[in-house]
Amino acid sequence: MNPPASLRDASCADDYDPNSMPVERARALIRQFLSPVTAIERLHVRAALGRVLADSIVSPLAVPGHDNSAMDGWAVRFADLVPDGATTLRRVGESFAGRPFAGEVQPGEAVRIFTGAVMPRGADTVVMQERAQAIEAGVTITAGAVTKAGQNRRLAGEDLATGQVVFERGQPLRPAELGMLASIGIAEVGVYRRLRVAFFSTGDELRSVGSTLREGEIYDSNRYTLFGMLQRLGCEALDMGVVPDVPARLEAAFTTAAANADVVITSGGVSVGEADYVKMLLDKLGEVVFWKLAMKPGRPLAYGRVGGAHFFGLPGNPVAVMVTFYEFVRDALRILQGERDVQPVPRFTARLAAPVRKLPGRVEFQRGILAPTADGYEVRPTGEQGSAILSSMSRANCFIVLPVASGDLRPGAMVEVQLLEGLI
């Protein structure tokens, strides 16, 4: 991953506390070590949705390529219109999108025109059809139908000029970008290759879906939420299944994952309990920046490297997996994919509609339901906030972000919220 400095150096920073790394400090540390992929592949525009541009795009033509009408109506010379009364003009033809009027509009003349059609030579203004009345030989324009020359006319190059930089390298391609590329005749683009992310769960109690559970066993849900979140980001997801808490098996899994992926993500095994071997193996195979964060849920979160791959060790509880992924992993993967100017999901304030319980000392990301009111927005917790209650994520449409110093809050208090729409 070619970090600019040793990960070990970062973990020994003066303000480093292995038991309670502040959330913002952890975000900043992660960003120091993120080097985007550089391999490029060329794709047809239709296959490039969700990918990241590897080259800047310069427009080879103007968009639109000609002055055209912004609506259905009449193309006229503004100078012909009577300032304070109706104006009658002679109809001399029509201009359709793709079939322009061939002549030139002379004084006292008008051309019936339709949205997107080329503006006839000589005309400078379009009167919308609702402000005009067709008559046998022409049209009568209502008094005050337009107020200035050029009204309702789109100018050539108004959207894009020839030679203009349309997109910078690092631009993610969404539906609007695909349409813009098509509008300038570009059918194929260079994009960064997909980021390869290997992930697995650790724990002797975990079983894959389809297995029969024995006493004390549970189904592994984390790999399914991780797979969904990685798919949404356009990553190449390498599911390595459940790895038991056996040092040799874990070491083999880490070695294989690091050899085949840019990023390795695990769930479980980072709380440094008696049966948690991840820390021991990471000391052997790589380096770790931090193991603990001052946040809830998600306190046991590790970041570092294993071999040449970035490593994120997520907690084992299902809600904590999703919260830590959205707050740390998601933006890191976007940067690694080549996106530029990656910014955290915006937050805004809403009024609490129900009480919130919290102890001071760490940031909390409680799951909430945000709803509009007559004077803004209100938010309420989804209910029980335990980190094993995955249904709280399914019901939520936002996080209620409670700062370190916050304690219990009553209804009516203003709180920060972070939308989940488009993330989950």
Protein backbone atom coordinates (compact mmCIF):
# COMPACT_ATOMS: atom_id res chain seq x y z
CA MET A 1 0.00 0.00 0.00
CA ASN A 2 3.10 2.21 0.04
CA PRO A 3 2.25 4.35 3.11
CA PRO A 4 4.01 7.71 3.42
CA ALA A 5 5.29 6.75 6.85
CA SER A 6 5.44 3.70 9.06
CA LEU A 7 2.13 2.63 10.53
CA ARG A 8 4.01 1.88 13.67
CA ASP A 9 5.13 5.53 13.82
CA ALA A 10 1.53 6.68 13.55
CA SER A 11 0.42 4.45 16.39
CA CYS A 12 3.10 5.97 18.61
CA ALA A 13 1.90 9.53 18.06
CA ASP A 14 1.89 11.69 21.18
CA ASP A 15 -1.92 11.83 21.42
CA TYR A 16 -2.42 8.11 20.78
CA ASP A 17 -4.44 6.28 23.40
CA PRO A 18 -4.76 2.56 22.61
CA ASN A 19 -7.93 2.32 24.66
CA SER A 20 -9.86 5.30 23.30
CA MET A 21 -8.68 6.69 19.96
CA PRO A 22 -10.97 9.66 19.16
CA VAL A 23 -13.17 9.09 16.12
CA GLU A 24 -11.93 12.09 14.11
CA ARG A 25 -8.32 11.25 14.91
CA ALA A 26 -8.88 7.71 13.63
CA ARG A 27 -10.42 9.03 10.39
CA ALA A 28 -7.45 11.33 9.83
CA LEU A 29 -4.92 8.56 10.50
CA ILE A 30 -6.59 6.20 8.04
CA ARG A 31 -6.50 8.82 5.29
CA GLN A 32 -2.74 9.23 5.69
CA PHE A 33 -2.14 5.72 4.37
CA LEU A 34 -4.59 5.51 1.46
CA SER A 35 -3.00 5.28 -2.00
CA PRO A 36 -5.56 4.80 -4.81
CA VAL A 37 -5.29 1.97 -7.30
CA THR A 38 -3.59 2.95 -10.56
CA ALA A 39 -4.51 0.17 -13.02
CA ILE A 40 -6.90 1.36 -15.74
CA GLU A 41 -9.37 -0.41 -17.99
CA ARG A 42 -11.51 0.93 -20.83
CA LEU A 43 -15.25 0.38 -20.75
CA HIS A 44 -18.27 1.28 -22.81
CA VAL A 45 -20.20 4.06 -21.12
CA ARG A 46 -23.10 1.72 -20.37
CA ALA A 47 -20.76 -0.58 -18.44
CA ALA A 48 -19.12 2.24 -16.47
CA LEU A 49 -21.88 3.08 -13.97
CA GLY A 50 -20.40 3.37 -10.48
CA ARG A 51 -16.82 3.35 -11.70
CA VAL A 52 -14.28 6.18 -11.29
CA LEU A 53 -12.77 8.08 -14.22
CA ALA A 54 -9.04 7.56 -14.66
CA ASP A 55 -8.65 10.43 -17.15
CA SER A 56 -10.12 13.90 -17.43
CA ILE A 57 -12.77 14.31 -20.13
CA VAL A 58 -12.60 17.25 -22.54
CA SER A 59 -15.63 18.05 -24.69
CA PRO A 60 -14.95 17.66 -28.44
CA LEU A 61 -17.99 19.75 -29.29
CA ALA A 62 -20.39 22.37 -27.97
CA VAL A 63 -23.58 21.33 -26.17
CA PRO A 64 -26.02 22.35 -27.45
CA GLY A 65 -24.44 22.61 -30.88
CA HIS A 66 -26.75 25.42 -32.01
CA ASP A 67 -29.09 28.04 -30.61
CA ASN A 68 -32.43 26.33 -30.00
CA SER A 69 -35.83 26.83 -28.48
CA ALA A 70 -36.43 26.09 -24.81
CA MET A 71 -40.15 25.46 -25.41
CA ASP A 72 -42.92 25.11 -27.96
CA GLY A 73 -43.95 28.48 -29.36
CA TRP A 74 -43.05 31.07 -31.98
CA ALA A 75 -39.60 32.27 -33.06
CA VAL A 76 -39.72 36.03 -33.61
CA ARG A 77 -37.60 39.18 -33.81
CA PHE A 78 -37.91 40.95 -30.48
CA ALA A 79 -37.71 44.31 -32.29
CA ASP A 80 -41.01 43.49 -34.07
CA LEU A 81 -43.03 43.22 -30.85
CA VAL A 82 -45.24 46.13 -29.84
CA PRO A 83 -44.14 47.19 -26.34
CA ASP A 84 -47.61 47.83 -24.89
CA GLY A 85 -50.02 45.94 -27.11
CA ALA A 86 -50.68 42.83 -29.17
CA THR A 87 -48.52 42.11 -32.23
CA THR A 88 -49.65 40.26 -35.37
CA LEU A 89 -46.94 38.56 -37.45
CA ARG A 90 -46.98 36.57 -40.68
CA ARG A 91 -46.24 32.84 -40.39
CA VAL A 92 -43.49 31.78 -42.82
CA GLY A 93 -42.71 28.21 -41.75
CA GLU A 94 -41.93 25.73 -39.01
CA SER A 95 -38.80 24.56 -37.19
CA PHE A 96 -38.84 21.08 -35.68
CA ALA A 97 -36.14 19.32 -33.64
CA GLY A 98 -34.01 17.68 -36.32
CA ARG A 99 -35.78 19.53 -39.15
CA PRO A 100 -34.88 23.23 -39.00
CA PHE A 101 -36.46 26.10 -40.91
CA ALA A 102 -34.31 26.74 -43.98
CA GLY A 103 -35.02 30.41 -44.51
CA GLU A 104 -34.38 33.62 -42.60
CA VAL A 105 -36.96 35.49 -40.56
CA GLN A 106 -37.58 38.97 -41.95
CA PRO A 107 -39.25 41.93 -40.21
CA GLY A 108 -42.92 41.19 -39.48
CA GLU A 109 -42.49 37.39 -39.77
CA ALA A 110 -42.65 34.48 -37.31
CA VAL A 111 -41.80 30.75 -37.41
CA ARG A 112 -43.69 28.08 -35.50
CA ILE A 113 -41.01 26.36 -33.39
CA PHE A 114 -40.83 23.37 -31.08
CA THR A 115 -38.67 22.50 -28.08
CA GLY A 116 -35.07 21.75 -29.08
CA ALA A 117 -35.49 23.01 -32.65
CA VAL A 118 -32.79 25.21 -34.21
CA MET A 119 -33.48 28.94 -33.92
CA PRO A 120 -34.13 30.30 -37.43
CA ARG A 121 -31.69 32.88 -38.77
CA GLY A 122 -32.99 36.36 -38.07
CA ALA A 123 -35.06 35.37 -35.00
CA ASP A 124 -33.72 36.05 -31.53
CA THR A 125 -36.62 35.30 -29.16
CA VAL A 126 -39.24 32.59 -28.55
CA VAL A 127 -42.77 33.38 -27.43
CA MET A 128 -44.36 30.44 -25.61
CA GLN A 129 -47.42 29.10 -27.35
CA GLU A 130 -49.65 29.92 -24.39
CA ARG A 131 -48.97 33.64 -24.97
CA ALA A 132 -49.90 33.60 -28.65
CA GLN A 133 -52.95 32.88 -30.82
CA ALA A 134 -52.59 31.30 -34.25
CA ILE A 135 -54.68 32.96 -36.97
CA GLU A 136 -55.25 32.03 -40.62
CA ALA A 137 -52.08 33.58 -42.04
CA GLY A 138 -49.96 34.07 -38.98
CA VAL A 139 -50.00 34.62 -35.24
CA THR A 140 -51.07 37.26 -32.74
CA ILE A 141 -48.68 37.74 -29.84
CA THR A 142 -50.21 38.78 -26.50
CA ALA A 143 -49.06 42.10 -25.05
CA GLY A 144 -46.12 41.59 -22.69
CA ALA A 145 -45.60 37.98 -23.79
CA VAL A 146 -41.82 38.42 -23.46
CA THR A 147 -39.87 41.09 -21.65
CA LYS A 148 -36.44 40.96 -23.28
CA ALA A 149 -34.63 39.83 -26.40
CA GLY A 150 -33.34 36.24 -26.25
CA GLN A 151 -36.03 35.01 -23.90
CA ASN A 152 -36.76 31.25 -24.08
CA ARG A 153 -33.74 30.66 -26.33
CA ARG A 154 -30.92 28.29 -25.42
CA LEU A 155 -27.52 29.40 -26.71
CA ALA A 156 -25.03 27.15 -28.46
CA GLY A 157 -22.46 25.91 -25.92
CA GLU A 158 -24.66 26.96 -23.02
CA ASP A 159 -24.16 23.57 -21.32
CA LEU A 160 -20.66 22.73 -22.55
CA ALA A 161 -18.19 24.61 -24.73
CA THR A 162 -15.82 22.94 -27.19
CA GLY A 163 -12.57 22.15 -25.36
CA GLN A 164 -14.13 22.53 -21.91
CA VAL A 165 -13.08 20.06 -19.20
CA VAL A 166 -16.28 18.18 -18.50
CA PHE A 167 -15.04 15.85 -15.74
CA GLU A 168 -11.78 15.70 -13.83
CA ARG A 169 -9.97 12.46 -13.17
CA GLY A 170 -11.43 10.85 -10.05
CA GLN A 171 -15.05 11.65 -10.92
CA PRO A 172 -17.44 8.80 -10.00
CA LEU A 173 -19.79 7.96 -12.85
CA ARG A 174 -23.47 8.23 -11.94
CA PRO A 175 -26.44 8.26 -14.32
CA ALA A 176 -26.05 12.01 -14.98
CA GLU A 177 -22.39 11.57 -15.94
CA LEU A 178 -23.26 8.74 -18.34
CA GLY A 179 -25.78 11.00 -20.05
CA MET A 180 -23.29 13.86 -20.31
CA LEU A 181 -20.67 11.59 -21.86
CA ALA A 182 -23.22 10.42 -24.40
CA SER A 183 -24.20 14.05 -25.12
CA ILE A 184 -20.66 14.77 -26.36
CA GLY A 185 -20.42 11.55 -28.36
CA ILE A 186 -18.07 9.65 -26.04
CA ALA A 187 -18.85 5.94 -26.03
CA GLU A 188 -15.84 4.57 -24.14
CA VAL A 189 -13.93 5.82 -21.10
CA GLY A 190 -10.89 4.86 -19.03
CA VAL A 191 -11.76 3.93 -15.45
CA TYR A 192 -9.79 2.59 -12.52
CA ARG A 193 -10.06 -1.13 -12.01
CA ARG A 194 -12.40 -2.38 -9.35
CA LEU A 195 -11.02 -2.49 -5.83
CA ARG A 196 -10.59 -6.08 -4.65
CA VAL A 197 -11.83 -6.59 -1.09
CA ALA A 198 -11.47 -9.94 0.70
CA PHE A 199 -13.60 -10.48 3.81
CA PHE A 200 -14.30 -13.22 6.29
CA SER A 201 -15.85 -13.74 9.71
CA THR A 202 -14.09 -15.30 12.67
CA GLY A 203 -15.65 -17.35 15.43
CA ASP A 204 -16.28 -20.99 16.30
CA GLU A 205 -19.96 -20.26 16.92
CA LEU A 206 -20.67 -19.02 13.39
CA ARG A 207 -22.33 -21.06 10.67
CA SER A 208 -23.11 -20.12 7.07
CA VAL A 209 -26.69 -19.83 5.87
CA GLY A 210 -27.97 -23.27 4.84
CA SER A 211 -26.24 -25.12 7.67
CA THR A 212 -28.09 -26.73 10.58
CA LEU A 213 -27.48 -24.95 13.85
CA ARG A 214 -26.34 -26.85 16.93
CA GLU A 215 -26.65 -25.57 20.47
CA GLY A 216 -24.69 -22.34 20.96
CA GLU A 217 -24.28 -21.66 17.24
CA ILE A 218 -25.63 -18.73 15.22
CA TYR A 219 -25.87 -17.86 11.55
CA ASP A 220 -23.25 -15.46 10.24
CA SER A 221 -25.13 -12.34 9.09
CA ASN A 222 -22.09 -10.06 8.90
CA ARG A 223 -20.76 -11.45 5.63
CA TYR A 224 -24.09 -10.74 3.98
CA THR A 225 -24.28 -7.13 5.12
CA LEU A 226 -20.62 -6.65 4.18
CA PHE A 227 -21.23 -8.17 0.76
CA GLY A 228 -24.17 -5.81 0.19
CA MET A 229 -22.22 -2.74 1.28
CA LEU A 230 -19.25 -3.68 -0.90
CA GLN A 231 -21.49 -4.30 -3.88
CA ARG A 232 -23.03 -0.87 -3.47
CA LEU A 233 -19.57 0.64 -3.67
CA GLY A 234 -18.75 -1.28 -6.84
CA CYS A 235 -15.98 -3.35 -5.23
CA GLU A 236 -14.97 -6.83 -6.32
CA ALA A 237 -16.02 -8.72 -3.19
CA LEU A 238 -14.10 -11.90 -2.30
CA ASP A 239 -16.10 -13.80 0.32
CA MET A 240 -13.78 -16.17 2.19
CA GLY A 241 -16.46 -17.54 4.49
CA VAL A 242 -16.18 -18.28 8.20
CA VAL A 243 -12.72 -18.95 9.62
CA PRO A 244 -12.60 -20.77 12.99
CA ASP A 245 -10.61 -19.43 15.93
CA VAL A 246 -7.59 -21.59 15.14
CA PRO A 247 -4.32 -19.66 14.74
CA ALA A 248 -3.05 -21.72 11.78
CA ARG A 249 -6.38 -21.38 9.94
CA LEU A 250 -6.54 -17.66 10.62
CA GLU A 251 -2.97 -17.12 9.48
CA ALA A 252 -3.65 -19.00 6.25
CA ALA A 253 -6.79 -16.91 5.67
CA PHE A 254 -4.94 -13.64 6.23
CA THR A 255 -2.09 -14.69 3.96
CA THR A 256 -4.44 -15.75 1.15
CA ALA A 257 -6.59 -12.62 1.51
CA ALA A 258 -3.62 -10.24 1.46
CA ALA A 259 -2.17 -11.95 -1.61
CA ASN A 260 -5.40 -11.58 -3.60
CA ALA A 261 -6.95 -8.30 -2.47
CA ASP A 262 -6.26 -4.62 -1.95
CA VAL A 263 -8.22 -4.58 1.30
CA VAL A 264 -8.90 -7.26 3.91
CA ILE A 265 -11.94 -6.92 6.19
CA THR A 266 -12.72 -9.22 9.09
CA SER A 267 -15.64 -9.22 11.49
CA GLY A 268 -15.07 -10.46 15.02
CA GLY A 269 -11.86 -11.34 16.78
CA VAL A 270 -10.52 -7.83 17.44
CA SER A 271 -11.57 -7.42 21.06
CA VAL A 272 -8.36 -9.15 22.25
CA GLY A 273 -10.11 -11.74 24.39
CA GLU A 274 -8.70 -15.12 25.34
CA ALA A 275 -9.79 -16.76 22.07
CA ASP A 276 -9.07 -13.78 19.79
CA TYR A 277 -5.90 -14.39 17.80
CA VAL A 278 -6.19 -11.58 15.26
CA LYS A 279 -3.97 -9.16 17.14
CA MET A 280 -1.24 -11.76 17.53
CA LEU A 281 -1.34 -12.57 13.82
CA LEU A 282 -1.37 -8.94 12.74
CA ASP A 283 1.76 -8.33 14.84
CA LYS A 284 3.35 -11.16 12.86
CA LEU A 285 2.00 -10.44 9.36
CA GLY A 286 1.65 -6.67 9.36
CA GLU A 287 1.13 -3.58 11.47
CA VAL A 288 -1.82 -1.95 13.20
CA VAL A 289 -2.47 1.76 13.78
CA PHE A 290 -5.19 1.37 16.42
CA TRP A 291 -7.38 -1.26 18.07
CA LYS A 292 -9.91 0.69 20.10
CA LEU A 293 -12.05 3.76 19.47
CA ALA A 294 -13.96 6.08 21.77
CA MET A 295 -17.30 5.28 20.10
CA LYS A 296 -20.39 3.16 20.54
CA PRO A 297 -21.15 0.83 18.92
CA GLY A 298 -17.83 -0.20 17.43
CA ARG A 299 -15.24 0.31 20.16
CA PRO A 300 -13.14 -2.71 19.09
CA LEU A 301 -12.11 -1.50 15.62
CA ALA A 302 -8.67 -2.16 14.12
CA TYR A 303 -6.97 -0.52 11.16
CA GLY A 304 -3.58 -1.31 9.69
CA ARG A 305 -2.13 -3.56 7.04
CA VAL A 306 -1.56 -7.24 6.43
CA GLY A 307 1.07 -7.98 3.83
CA GLY A 308 0.54 -5.34 1.14
CA ALA A 309 -3.19 -4.95 1.82
CA HIS A 310 -5.09 -2.50 3.98
CA PHE A 311 -6.75 -4.16 6.95
CA PHE A 312 -9.98 -3.29 8.73
CA GLY A 313 -10.86 -5.45 11.71
CA LEU A 314 -14.51 -4.79 12.45
CA PRO A 315 -16.35 -5.83 15.62
CA GLY A 316 -18.39 -9.01 15.69
CA ASN A 317 -21.77 -7.56 16.60
CA PRO A 318 -23.92 -6.96 13.48
CA VAL A 319 -24.86 -3.32 14.16
CA ALA A 320 -21.28 -2.43 15.07
CA VAL A 321 -20.11 -3.94 11.77
CA MET A 322 -22.43 -1.69 9.79
CA VAL A 323 -21.77 1.46 11.83
CA THR A 324 -17.98 1.13 11.62
CA PHE A 325 -18.16 0.31 7.91
CA TYR A 326 -20.15 3.47 7.18
CA GLU A 327 -18.11 5.71 9.44
CA PHE A 328 -14.61 4.51 8.47
CA VAL A 329 -14.41 1.86 5.76
CA ARG A 330 -16.81 3.32 3.20
CA ASP A 331 -14.91 6.56 2.57
CA ALA A 332 -11.55 4.78 2.70
CA LEU A 333 -12.68 2.41 -0.08
CA ARG A 334 -13.92 5.33 -2.16
CA ILE A 335 -10.50 6.99 -1.90
CA LEU A 336 -8.73 3.74 -2.76
CA GLN A 337 -10.96 3.42 -5.83
CA GLY A 338 -9.60 6.72 -7.09
CA GLU A 339 -12.40 9.12 -6.13
CA ARG A 340 -11.23 12.66 -5.50
CA ASP A 341 -12.51 15.09 -2.87
CA VAL A 342 -14.21 12.38 -0.82
CA GLN A 343 -16.17 14.09 1.94
CA PRO A 344 -17.95 12.53 4.93
CA VAL A 345 -21.70 12.16 4.71
CA PRO A 346 -23.21 15.57 5.65
CA ARG A 347 -24.96 16.01 8.97
CA PHE A 348 -27.74 18.36 9.95
CA THR A 349 -29.79 19.04 13.06
CA ALA A 350 -33.20 17.73 14.01
CA ARG A 351 -35.37 17.90 17.09
CA LEU A 352 -35.62 14.85 19.35
CA ALA A 353 -39.14 13.44 19.52
CA ALA A 354 -38.30 10.91 22.25
CA PRO A 355 -35.78 10.68 25.09
CA VAL A 356 -32.26 9.37 24.46
CA ARG A 357 -30.11 7.64 27.04
CA LYS A 358 -26.31 8.04 26.86
CA LEU A 359 -23.30 8.08 29.16
CA PRO A 360 -20.63 10.75 28.54
CA GLY A 361 -17.20 9.60 27.39
CA ARG A 362 -17.52 8.52 23.78
CA VAL A 363 -19.32 9.32 20.55
CA GLU A 364 -22.50 7.31 19.99
CA PHE A 365 -24.20 6.50 16.70
CA GLN A 366 -27.74 5.62 17.67
CA ARG A 367 -30.12 4.37 15.01
CA GLY A 368 -32.96 6.80 14.37
CA ILE A 369 -36.09 7.41 12.36
CA LEU A 370 -36.17 10.89 10.82
CA ALA A 371 -39.48 12.43 9.75
CA PRO A 372 -40.55 15.88 8.48
CA THR A 373 -42.66 18.22 10.61
CA ALA A 374 -44.37 21.54 9.93
CA ASP A 375 -41.25 23.46 10.99
CA GLY A 376 -38.35 21.14 10.16
CA TYR A 377 -37.47 17.58 11.09
CA GLU A 378 -37.79 15.40 14.15
CA VAL A 379 -35.98 12.20 14.97
CA ARG A 380 -36.56 9.38 17.41
CA PRO A 381 -34.48 6.29 18.26
CA THR A 382 -35.59 3.04 16.66
CA GLY A 383 -35.91 1.46 20.11
CA GLU A 384 -33.37 -0.75 21.83
CA GLN A 385 -29.87 0.27 20.74
CA GLY A 386 -27.91 -2.90 21.49
CA SER A 387 -25.15 -3.61 18.99
CA ALA A 388 -26.54 -7.09 18.31
CA ILE A 389 -30.01 -5.80 17.34
CA LEU A 390 -29.66 -5.78 13.55
CA SER A 391 -33.35 -4.93 13.12
CA SER A 392 -32.51 -1.46 14.45
CA MET A 393 -30.50 -0.88 11.24
CA SER A 394 -33.34 -2.14 9.08
CA ARG A 395 -35.83 0.24 10.72
CA ALA A 396 -33.47 3.25 10.73
CA ASN A 397 -33.09 5.91 8.06
CA CYS A 398 -30.40 7.86 9.92
CA PHE A 399 -27.82 7.86 12.68
CA ILE A 400 -28.35 10.12 15.67
CA VAL A 401 -24.78 11.30 16.30
CA LEU A 402 -24.22 12.10 19.98
CA PRO A 403 -20.91 13.78 20.90
CA VAL A 404 -18.45 12.60 23.53
CA ALA A 405 -19.63 14.97 26.27
CA SER A 406 -23.34 14.37 25.75
CA GLY A 407 -25.39 12.62 28.40
CA ASP A 408 -29.08 11.75 28.47
CA LEU A 409 -31.27 13.99 26.33
CA ARG A 410 -34.92 14.91 26.63
CA PRO A 411 -37.48 15.36 23.86
CA GLY A 412 -37.08 18.76 22.23
CA ALA A 413 -33.28 18.76 22.31
CA MET A 414 -31.52 19.46 19.00
CA VAL A 415 -29.23 16.67 17.81
CA GLU A 416 -27.05 15.93 14.78
CA VAL A 417 -28.33 13.34 12.33
CA GLN A 418 -26.58 11.57 9.45
CA LEU A 419 -28.78 10.16 6.70
CA LEU A 420 -28.44 6.52 5.69
CA GLU A 421 -30.36 6.78 2.42
CA GLY A 422 -28.05 5.70 -0.38
CA LEU A 423 -25.65 4.08 2.07
CA ILE A 424 -27.45 1.00 3.35
